[in-house]
């Protein structure tokens, strides 16, 4: 795992070290890429990796940081 952040499919900022939902992060820091996978390796989300919250802000992204316990998806989406 790596410290850093990514934006999930709902526009929330998540820690790459604790993405929640039982998911894992595979991170390529050079390419600034995050692959969010299930424990079995199924890809469920791709995102840009940001090393710091300041890097997120520099990119012009305004997203709320949510804890890993925050659910992925919305109830109306079947989650």
C-alpha atoms as a PDB file:
ATOM      1  CA  UNK A   1       0.000   0.000   0.000  1.00  0.00           C
ATOM      2  CA  UNK A   2       1.029   3.562  -0.534  1.00  0.00           C
ATOM      3  CA  UNK A   3       0.025   6.773   1.122  1.00  0.00           C
ATOM      4  CA  UNK A   4      -1.751   9.035  -1.287  1.00  0.00           C
ATOM      5  CA  UNK A   5      -5.191   9.763  -2.645  1.00  0.00           C
ATOM      6  CA  UNK A   6      -7.556   9.161  -5.546  1.00  0.00           C
ATOM      7  CA  UNK A   7     -11.079  10.219  -6.509  1.00  0.00           C
ATOM      8  CA  UNK A   8     -13.737   7.480  -6.488  1.00  0.00           C
ATOM      9  CA  UNK A   9     -16.631   7.129  -8.959  1.00  0.00           C
ATOM     10  CA  UNK A  10     -18.871   9.316  -6.763  1.00  0.00           C
ATOM     11  CA  UNK A  11     -16.370  12.183  -6.720  1.00  0.00           C
ATOM     12  CA  UNK A  12     -15.143  11.519  -3.175  1.00  0.00           C
ATOM     13  CA  UNK A  13     -11.481  11.712  -2.250  1.00  0.00           C
ATOM     14  CA  UNK A  14     -10.210   8.450  -0.758  1.00  0.00           C
ATOM     15  CA  UNK A  15      -6.977   7.337   0.838  1.00  0.00           C
ATOM     16  CA  UNK A  16      -5.120   4.786  -1.271  1.00  0.00           C
ATOM     17  CA  UNK A  17      -4.079   3.086   1.974  1.00  0.00           C
ATOM     18  CA  UNK A  18      -7.730   2.584   3.033  1.00  0.00           C
ATOM     19  CA  UNK A  19     -10.056   2.666   0.012  1.00  0.00           C
ATOM     20  CA  UNK A  20     -12.869   0.882   1.852  1.00  0.00           C
ATOM     21  CA  UNK A  21     -15.510  -1.416   0.421  1.00  0.00           C
ATOM     22  CA  UNK A  22     -13.203  -4.389   0.821  1.00  0.00           C
ATOM     23  CA  UNK A  23     -11.202  -3.067  -2.132  1.00  0.00           C
ATOM     24  CA  UNK A  24      -7.436  -2.910  -2.597  1.00  0.00           C
ATOM     25  CA  UNK A  25      -5.308  -0.363  -4.461  1.00  0.00           C
ATOM     26  CA  UNK A  26      -2.578  -1.256  -6.913  1.00  0.00           C
ATOM     27  CA  UNK A  27      -0.586   1.925  -7.418  1.00  0.00           C
ATOM     28  CA  UNK A  28       1.935   2.995 -10.037  1.00  0.00           C
ATOM     29  CA  UNK A  29       3.390   6.201  -8.602  1.00  0.00           C
ATOM     30  CA  UNK A  30       5.446   6.973 -11.718  1.00  0.00           C
ATOM     31  CA  UNK A  31       2.395   6.801 -13.997  1.00  0.00           C
ATOM     32  CA  UNK A  32       0.221   8.368 -11.250  1.00  0.00           C
ATOM     33  CA  UNK A  33      -2.263   5.503 -11.694  1.00  0.00           C
ATOM     34  CA  UNK A  34      -4.493   3.699  -9.193  1.00  0.00           C
ATOM     35  CA  UNK A  35      -6.249   0.428  -9.995  1.00  0.00           C
ATOM     36  CA  UNK A  36      -8.908  -0.356  -7.398  1.00  0.00           C
ATOM     37  CA  UNK A  37      -9.561  -4.092  -7.281  1.00  0.00           C
ATOM     38  CA  UNK A  38     -11.482  -6.704  -5.349  1.00  0.00           C
ATOM     39  CA  UNK A  39      -9.469  -9.116  -3.233  1.00  0.00           C
ATOM     40  CA  UNK A  40      -9.694 -11.564  -6.144  1.00  0.00           C
ATOM     41  CA  UNK A  41      -8.101  -9.024  -8.490  1.00  0.00           C
ATOM     42  CA  UNK A  42     -11.156  -7.855 -10.430  1.00  0.00           C
ATOM     43  CA  UNK A  43     -10.702  -4.251 -11.552  1.00  0.00           C
ATOM     44  CA  UNK A  44     -13.579  -2.071 -10.341  1.00  0.00           C
ATOM     45  CA  UNK A  45     -12.198   1.466 -10.726  1.00  0.00           C
ATOM     46  CA  UNK A  46      -9.266   3.343 -12.259  1.00  0.00           C
ATOM     47  CA  UNK A  47      -8.101   6.750 -11.080  1.00  0.00           C
ATOM     48  CA  UNK A  48      -5.265   9.239 -11.006  1.00  0.00           C
ATOM     49  CA  UNK A  49      -2.929   8.917  -8.030  1.00  0.00           C
ATOM     50  CA  UNK A  50      -2.197  12.064  -6.025  1.00  0.00           C
ATOM     51  CA  UNK A  51       0.626  11.953  -3.481  1.00  0.00           C
ATOM     52  CA  UNK A  52      -0.799  14.707  -1.270  1.00  0.00           C
ATOM     53  CA  UNK A  53      -4.053  16.557  -0.729  1.00  0.00           C
ATOM     54  CA  UNK A  54      -2.231  19.688  -1.927  1.00  0.00           C
ATOM     55  CA  UNK A  55      -1.622  17.911  -5.257  1.00  0.00           C
ATOM     56  CA  UNK A  56      -5.373  17.258  -5.515  1.00  0.00           C
ATOM     57  CA  UNK A  57      -6.099  20.943  -4.906  1.00  0.00           C
ATOM     58  CA  UNK A  58      -3.431  22.013  -7.446  1.00  0.00           C
ATOM     59  CA  UNK A  59      -5.243  19.900 -10.032  1.00  0.00           C
ATOM     60  CA  UNK A  60      -8.363  21.962  -9.361  1.00  0.00           C
ATOM     61  CA  UNK A  61     -10.266  19.078  -7.813  1.00  0.00           C
ATOM     62  CA  UNK A  62     -12.615  19.882  -4.979  1.00  0.00           C
ATOM     63  CA  UNK A  63     -13.542  16.599  -3.336  1.00  0.00           C
ATOM     64  CA  UNK A  64     -14.461  15.666   0.209  1.00  0.00           C
ATOM     65  CA  UNK A  65     -12.085  13.212   1.896  1.00  0.00           C
ATOM     66  CA  UNK A  66     -14.108  10.239   3.103  1.00  0.00           C
ATOM     67  CA  UNK A  67     -12.995   7.416   5.408  1.00  0.00           C
ATOM     68  CA  UNK A  68     -12.721   3.827   4.237  1.00  0.00           C
ATOM     69  CA  UNK A  69     -15.966   3.094   6.095  1.00  0.00           C
ATOM     70  CA  UNK A  70     -17.847   5.415   3.701  1.00  0.00           C
ATOM     71  CA  UNK A  71     -19.804   3.248   1.231  1.00  0.00           C
ATOM     72  CA  UNK A  72     -18.929   3.096  -2.445  1.00  0.00           C
ATOM     73  CA  UNK A  73     -21.841   3.919  -4.711  1.00  0.00           C
ATOM     74  CA  UNK A  74     -25.302   5.091  -3.866  1.00  0.00           C
ATOM     75  CA  UNK A  75     -28.328   3.179  -2.623  1.00  0.00           C
ATOM     76  CA  UNK A  76     -30.230   4.012  -5.837  1.00  0.00           C
ATOM     77  CA  UNK A  77     -27.370   2.392  -7.785  1.00  0.00           C
ATOM     78  CA  UNK A  78     -27.883  -0.878  -5.915  1.00  0.00           C
ATOM     79  CA  UNK A  79     -25.030  -0.496  -3.447  1.00  0.00           C
END
